[in-house]
Amino acid sequence: MPEIRAFLAIDIDDDLKPKINKVIKEFKQIDANIRYVDLANLHLTLKFFGDIDIEGIDLLSKKISEVVSQFDSFKIKIKGCGAFPNSNHIKVIWIGLEEEGTLKDLHDKLDVEFKKLGFEADKKFSSHLTIGRMKSAKNKNKVKAAIEEFGDVEIGEMEVDKIILKKSTLKPSGPIYDDINIFEL
């Protein structure tokens, strides 16, 4: 049975990307071993499914549609910068979200349905935009200082009016994302 690597996401508005790119450019001035996310691939992940059976896409899409039908579009504010797991052990550099109420409700309702389909429930939902992955501790203190400097960075607000089921194809040059299904709020 053919499988695809899939995830559910919210794409970031194009007009916010230059502000995010400004932050990324500041990090790029540090001589650190960081792999940055391509601006075209910037997204907020609602659920990472991993490798799933192609035949399960219809059932998954049906469940997503059922949950999405309970929600209207809503606004999110993109703000702040941080690191996972923490700023002393940096693996992922992210830009955060200020308002997570409706987004968290959407995630939690989706997660309940995904669990019924056999997917593991997320331990903790932390909405964020990954902007880079640190590959070594080279110049970690400078990276940590930049994260602190951008701790309160204001990127802007956007309307979330759809979520997208995406396919991820891993390539040496970085992942390629294709939309499988779009769900309007």
C-alpha atoms as a PDB file:
ATOM      1  CA  MET A   1       0.000   0.000   0.000  1.00  0.00           C
ATOM      2  CA  PRO A   2       1.576   3.362  -0.994  1.00  0.00           C
ATOM      3  CA  GLU A   3       2.182   5.857   1.803  1.00  0.00           C
ATOM      4  CA  ILE A   4       2.756   9.589   1.984  1.00  0.00           C
ATOM      5  CA  ARG A   5       4.275  11.753   4.702  1.00  0.00           C
ATOM      6  CA  ALA A   6       1.480  14.123   5.728  1.00  0.00           C
ATOM      7  CA  PHE A   7       0.631  16.954   8.107  1.00  0.00           C
ATOM      8  CA  LEU A   8      -2.164  19.457   8.736  1.00  0.00           C
ATOM      9  CA  ALA A   9      -1.160  23.113   8.637  1.00  0.00           C
ATOM     10  CA  ILE A  10      -2.047  26.774   8.389  1.00  0.00           C
ATOM     11  CA  ASP A  11      -0.070  28.683   5.759  1.00  0.00           C
ATOM     12  CA  ILE A  12       1.325  32.074   6.729  1.00  0.00           C
ATOM     13  CA  ASP A  13       0.065  35.133   4.852  1.00  0.00           C
ATOM     14  CA  ASP A  14       2.550  36.351   2.237  1.00  0.00           C
ATOM     15  CA  ASP A  15       2.460  39.914   3.581  1.00  0.00           C
ATOM     16  CA  LEU A  16       3.897  38.711   6.938  1.00  0.00           C
ATOM     17  CA  LYS A  17       6.788  36.791   5.388  1.00  0.00           C
ATOM     18  CA  PRO A  18       9.085  39.824   4.821  1.00  0.00           C
ATOM     19  CA  LYS A  19       8.919  40.617   8.564  1.00  0.00           C
ATOM     20  CA  ILE A  20       9.716  36.993   9.415  1.00  0.00           C
ATOM     21  CA  ASN A  21      12.530  37.059   6.854  1.00  0.00           C
ATOM     22  CA  LYS A  22      13.990  40.121   8.599  1.00  0.00           C
ATOM     23  CA  VAL A  23      14.291  38.056  11.796  1.00  0.00           C
ATOM     24  CA  ILE A  24      15.814  35.125   9.885  1.00  0.00           C
ATOM     25  CA  LYS A  25      18.373  37.483   8.266  1.00  0.00           C
ATOM     26  CA  GLU A  26      19.495  38.599  11.733  1.00  0.00           C
ATOM     27  CA  PHE A  27      20.087  34.972  12.747  1.00  0.00           C
ATOM     28  CA  LYS A  28      21.950  34.329   9.483  1.00  0.00           C
ATOM     29  CA  GLN A  29      24.511  36.993  10.478  1.00  0.00           C
ATOM     30  CA  ILE A  30      25.594  34.694  13.317  1.00  0.00           C
ATOM     31  CA  ASP A  31      28.151  32.077  12.281  1.00  0.00           C
ATOM     32  CA  ALA A  32      26.064  29.153  13.526  1.00  0.00           C
ATOM     33  CA  ASN A  33      25.111  25.792  12.080  1.00  0.00           C
ATOM     34  CA  ILE A  34      21.394  26.464  11.514  1.00  0.00           C
ATOM     35  CA  ARG A  35      19.226  25.085   8.726  1.00  0.00           C
ATOM     36  CA  TYR A  36      16.547  27.667   7.946  1.00  0.00           C
ATOM     37  CA  VAL A  37      13.015  27.002   6.755  1.00  0.00           C
ATOM     38  CA  ASP A  38      12.345  28.235   3.228  1.00  0.00           C
ATOM     39  CA  LEU A  39       9.935  31.205   3.388  1.00  0.00           C
ATOM     40  CA  ALA A  40       7.638  29.451   0.894  1.00  0.00           C
ATOM     41  CA  ASN A  41       7.322  26.553   3.364  1.00  0.00           C
ATOM     42  CA  LEU A  42       6.499  28.629   6.452  1.00  0.00           C
ATOM     43  CA  HIS A  43       3.465  27.173   8.186  1.00  0.00           C
ATOM     44  CA  LEU A  44       1.881  26.516  11.529  1.00  0.00           C
ATOM     45  CA  THR A  45       1.541  22.764  12.106  1.00  0.00           C
ATOM     46  CA  LEU A  46      -1.739  21.593  13.607  1.00  0.00           C
ATOM     47  CA  LYS A  47      -0.865  17.891  13.401  1.00  0.00           C
ATOM     48  CA  PHE A  48       2.019  15.876  12.012  1.00  0.00           C
ATOM     49  CA  PHE A  49       0.766  12.469  10.884  1.00  0.00           C
ATOM     50  CA  GLY A  50       3.987  10.972   9.591  1.00  0.00           C
ATOM     51  CA  ASP A  51       3.700   8.269   6.933  1.00  0.00           C
ATOM     52  CA  ILE A  52       0.063   7.449   6.246  1.00  0.00           C
ATOM     53  CA  ASP A  53      -1.670   5.071   3.870  1.00  0.00           C
ATOM     54  CA  ILE A  54      -2.952   6.902   0.760  1.00  0.00           C
ATOM     55  CA  GLU A  55      -6.258   5.058   1.063  1.00  0.00           C
ATOM     56  CA  GLY A  56      -6.820   6.693   4.472  1.00  0.00           C
ATOM     57  CA  ILE A  57      -6.772  10.254   3.062  1.00  0.00           C
ATOM     58  CA  ASP A  58     -10.529  10.314   2.350  1.00  0.00           C
ATOM     59  CA  LEU A  59     -11.464   9.226   5.871  1.00  0.00           C
ATOM     60  CA  LEU A  60      -8.967  11.672   7.384  1.00  0.00           C
ATOM     61  CA  SER A  61     -10.339  14.479   5.191  1.00  0.00           C
ATOM     62  CA  LYS A  62     -13.910  13.636   6.230  1.00  0.00           C
ATOM     63  CA  LYS A  63     -12.987  13.928   9.930  1.00  0.00           C
ATOM     64  CA  ILE A  64     -11.195  17.246   9.328  1.00  0.00           C
ATOM     65  CA  SER A  65     -14.244  18.598   7.429  1.00  0.00           C
ATOM     66  CA  GLU A  66     -16.559  17.608  10.269  1.00  0.00           C
ATOM     67  CA  VAL A  67     -14.471  19.482  12.845  1.00  0.00           C
ATOM     68  CA  VAL A  68     -13.769  22.514  10.636  1.00  0.00           C
ATOM     69  CA  SER A  69     -17.511  22.959  10.015  1.00  0.00           C
ATOM     70  CA  GLN A  70     -17.859  23.881  13.721  1.00  0.00           C
ATOM     71  CA  PHE A  71     -15.472  26.844  13.394  1.00  0.00           C
ATOM     72  CA  ASP A  72     -15.574  30.298  11.828  1.00  0.00           C
ATOM     73  CA  SER A  73     -12.452  32.066  10.628  1.00  0.00           C
ATOM     74  CA  PHE A  74     -10.414  33.668  13.408  1.00  0.00           C
ATOM     75  CA  LYS A  75      -7.400  35.931  13.876  1.00  0.00           C
ATOM     76  CA  ILE A  76      -3.985  35.007  15.206  1.00  0.00           C
ATOM     77  CA  LYS A  77      -1.189  37.377  16.203  1.00  0.00           C
ATOM     78  CA  ILE A  78       2.322  36.254  15.319  1.00  0.00           C
ATOM     79  CA  LYS A  79       4.676  37.515  17.979  1.00  0.00           C
ATOM     80  CA  GLY A  80       7.759  36.539  19.949  1.00  0.00           C
ATOM     81  CA  CYS A  81      10.726  34.247  19.430  1.00  0.00           C
ATOM     82  CA  GLY A  82      11.987  31.259  21.371  1.00  0.00           C
ATOM     83  CA  ALA A  83      13.637  27.852  21.227  1.00  0.00           C
ATOM     84  CA  PHE A  84      12.776  24.193  21.806  1.00  0.00           C
ATOM     85  CA  PRO A  85      13.416  22.448  24.062  1.00  0.00           C
ATOM     86  CA  ASN A  86      14.808  25.615  25.739  1.00  0.00           C
ATOM     87  CA  SER A  87      17.300  28.440  25.177  1.00  0.00           C
ATOM     88  CA  ASN A  88      20.139  26.502  26.840  1.00  0.00           C
ATOM     89  CA  HIS A  89      19.647  23.473  24.595  1.00  0.00           C
ATOM     90  CA  ILE A  90      18.531  24.891  21.248  1.00  0.00           C
ATOM     91  CA  LYS A  91      17.222  22.445  18.654  1.00  0.00           C
ATOM     92  CA  VAL A  92      14.462  24.534  17.041  1.00  0.00           C
ATOM     93  CA  ILE A  93      14.199  28.320  16.720  1.00  0.00           C
ATOM     94  CA  TRP A  94      10.602  29.489  16.462  1.00  0.00           C
ATOM     95  CA  ILE A  95       8.349  32.503  16.182  1.00  0.00           C
ATOM     96  CA  GLY A  96       5.274  32.248  18.378  1.00  0.00           C
ATOM     97  CA  LEU A  97       1.599  33.144  18.499  1.00  0.00           C
ATOM     98  CA  GLU A  98      -0.059  35.379  21.045  1.00  0.00           C
ATOM     99  CA  GLU A  99      -3.711  34.263  20.809  1.00  0.00           C
ATOM    100  CA  GLU A 100      -4.151  30.552  21.084  1.00  0.00           C
ATOM    101  CA  GLY A 101      -7.743  30.158  22.362  1.00  0.00           C
ATOM    102  CA  THR A 102      -9.624  29.333  19.150  1.00  0.00           C
ATOM    103  CA  LEU A 103      -6.565  27.724  17.603  1.00  0.00           C
ATOM    104  CA  LYS A 104      -6.091  25.448  20.615  1.00  0.00           C
ATOM    105  CA  ASP A 105      -9.811  24.523  20.557  1.00  0.00           C
ATOM    106  CA  LEU A 106      -9.531  23.662  16.853  1.00  0.00           C
ATOM    107  CA  HIS A 107      -6.406  21.578  17.477  1.00  0.00           C
ATOM    108  CA  ASP A 108      -7.920  19.767  20.462  1.00  0.00           C
ATOM    109  CA  LYS A 109     -11.151  18.869  18.624  1.00  0.00           C
ATOM    110  CA  LEU A 110      -9.163  17.626  15.629  1.00  0.00           C
ATOM    111  CA  ASP A 111      -6.873  15.612  17.885  1.00  0.00           C
ATOM    112  CA  VAL A 112      -9.858  13.805  19.462  1.00  0.00           C
ATOM    113  CA  GLU A 113     -11.001  12.725  15.985  1.00  0.00           C
ATOM    114  CA  PHE A 114      -7.480  11.740  14.916  1.00  0.00           C
ATOM    115  CA  LYS A 115      -7.127   9.567  18.015  1.00  0.00           C
ATOM    116  CA  LYS A 116     -10.284   7.692  16.940  1.00  0.00           C
ATOM    117  CA  LEU A 117      -8.480   6.938  13.662  1.00  0.00           C
ATOM    118  CA  GLY A 118      -5.502   5.476  15.517  1.00  0.00           C
ATOM    119  CA  PHE A 119      -3.156   8.474  15.618  1.00  0.00           C
ATOM    120  CA  GLU A 120      -1.401   9.256  18.865  1.00  0.00           C
ATOM    121  CA  ALA A 121      -2.761  12.298  20.691  1.00  0.00           C
ATOM    122  CA  ASP A 122      -0.378  15.242  20.933  1.00  0.00           C
ATOM    123  CA  LYS A 123       1.137  15.467  24.403  1.00  0.00           C
ATOM    124  CA  LYS A 124       1.117  19.256  24.414  1.00  0.00           C
ATOM    125  CA  PHE A 125       0.070  21.613  21.628  1.00  0.00           C
ATOM    126  CA  SER A 126       2.462  24.510  21.245  1.00  0.00           C
ATOM    127  CA  SER A 127       1.588  26.657  18.265  1.00  0.00           C
ATOM    128  CA  HIS A 128       4.689  28.090  16.643  1.00  0.00           C
ATOM    129  CA  LEU A 129       6.403  28.719  13.323  1.00  0.00           C
ATOM    130  CA  THR A 130       9.699  26.894  13.016  1.00  0.00           C
ATOM    131  CA  ILE A 131      12.194  29.251  11.348  1.00  0.00           C
ATOM    132  CA  GLY A 132      15.341  27.178  11.831  1.00  0.00           C
ATOM    133  CA  ARG A 133      16.880  24.011  13.241  1.00  0.00           C
ATOM    134  CA  MET A 134      20.191  24.218  15.036  1.00  0.00           C
ATOM    135  CA  LYS A 135      22.511  21.424  13.870  1.00  0.00           C
ATOM    136  CA  SER A 136      25.345  21.975  16.396  1.00  0.00           C
ATOM    137  CA  ALA A 137      26.178  24.148  19.416  1.00  0.00           C
ATOM    138  CA  LYS A 138      28.439  26.416  17.357  1.00  0.00           C
ATOM    139  CA  ASN A 139      27.997  30.012  18.632  1.00  0.00           C
ATOM    140  CA  LYS A 140      25.072  28.888  20.793  1.00  0.00           C
ATOM    141  CA  ASN A 141      25.463  31.899  23.109  1.00  0.00           C
ATOM    142  CA  LYS A 142      25.129  34.335  20.195  1.00  0.00           C
ATOM    143  CA  VAL A 143      22.035  32.465  18.971  1.00  0.00           C
ATOM    144  CA  LYS A 144      20.619  32.531  22.508  1.00  0.00           C
ATOM    145  CA  ALA A 145      21.232  36.313  22.682  1.00  0.00           C
ATOM    146  CA  ALA A 146      19.431  36.805  19.343  1.00  0.00           C
ATOM    147  CA  ILE A 147      16.476  34.729  20.562  1.00  0.00           C
ATOM    148  CA  GLU A 148      16.281  36.957  23.661  1.00  0.00           C
ATOM    149  CA  GLU A 149      16.586  40.094  21.499  1.00  0.00           C
ATOM    150  CA  PHE A 150      13.592  38.965  19.403  1.00  0.00           C
ATOM    151  CA  GLY A 151      11.638  37.662  22.398  1.00  0.00           C
ATOM    152  CA  ASP A 152       8.917  40.293  21.912  1.00  0.00           C
ATOM    153  CA  VAL A 153       9.171  40.787  18.133  1.00  0.00           C
ATOM    154  CA  GLU A 154       5.811  41.758  16.582  1.00  0.00           C
ATOM    155  CA  ILE A 155       5.270  40.161  13.170  1.00  0.00           C
ATOM    156  CA  GLY A 156       1.583  40.961  12.710  1.00  0.00           C
ATOM    157  CA  GLU A 157      -1.930  39.615  12.626  1.00  0.00           C
ATOM    158  CA  MET A 158      -3.584  37.346  10.097  1.00  0.00           C
ATOM    159  CA  GLU A 159      -6.972  35.793   9.481  1.00  0.00           C
ATOM    160  CA  VAL A 160      -7.091  31.998   9.608  1.00  0.00           C
ATOM    161  CA  ASP A 161      -9.805  31.060   7.114  1.00  0.00           C
ATOM    162  CA  LYS A 162      -8.562  27.633   6.015  1.00  0.00           C
ATOM    163  CA  ILE A 163      -6.409  24.717   7.086  1.00  0.00           C
ATOM    164  CA  ILE A 164      -4.542  22.505   4.647  1.00  0.00           C
ATOM    165  CA  LEU A 165      -3.696  18.817   4.578  1.00  0.00           C
ATOM    166  CA  LYS A 166      -0.215  18.670   3.057  1.00  0.00           C
ATOM    167  CA  LYS A 167       2.119  16.068   1.677  1.00  0.00           C
ATOM    168  CA  SER A 168       5.801  16.382   2.535  1.00  0.00           C
ATOM    169  CA  THR A 169       8.437  14.953   0.210  1.00  0.00           C
ATOM    170  CA  LEU A 170      11.890  14.955   1.772  1.00  0.00           C
ATOM    171  CA  LYS A 171      14.750  15.953  -0.528  1.00  0.00           C
ATOM    172  CA  PRO A 172      18.424  16.651   0.248  1.00  0.00           C
ATOM    173  CA  SER A 173      17.763  20.329  -0.562  1.00  0.00           C
ATOM    174  CA  GLY A 174      14.877  20.427   1.935  1.00  0.00           C
ATOM    175  CA  PRO A 175      11.248  19.311   2.055  1.00  0.00           C
ATOM    176  CA  ILE A 176       8.760  19.965  -0.748  1.00  0.00           C
ATOM    177  CA  TYR A 177       5.169  20.513   0.364  1.00  0.00           C
ATOM    178  CA  ASP A 178       2.108  19.869  -1.784  1.00  0.00           C
ATOM    179  CA  ASP A 179      -1.484  20.633  -0.821  1.00  0.00           C
ATOM    180  CA  ILE A 180      -3.675  17.527  -0.730  1.00  0.00           C
ATOM    181  CA  ASN A 181      -6.881  19.089   0.551  1.00  0.00           C
ATOM    182  CA  ILE A 182      -7.977  22.584   1.656  1.00  0.00           C
ATOM    183  CA  PHE A 183     -10.637  23.002   4.349  1.00  0.00           C
ATOM    184  CA  GLU A 184     -12.371  26.397   4.533  1.00  0.00           C
ATOM    185  CA  LEU A 185     -13.410  27.754   7.933  1.00  0.00           C
END
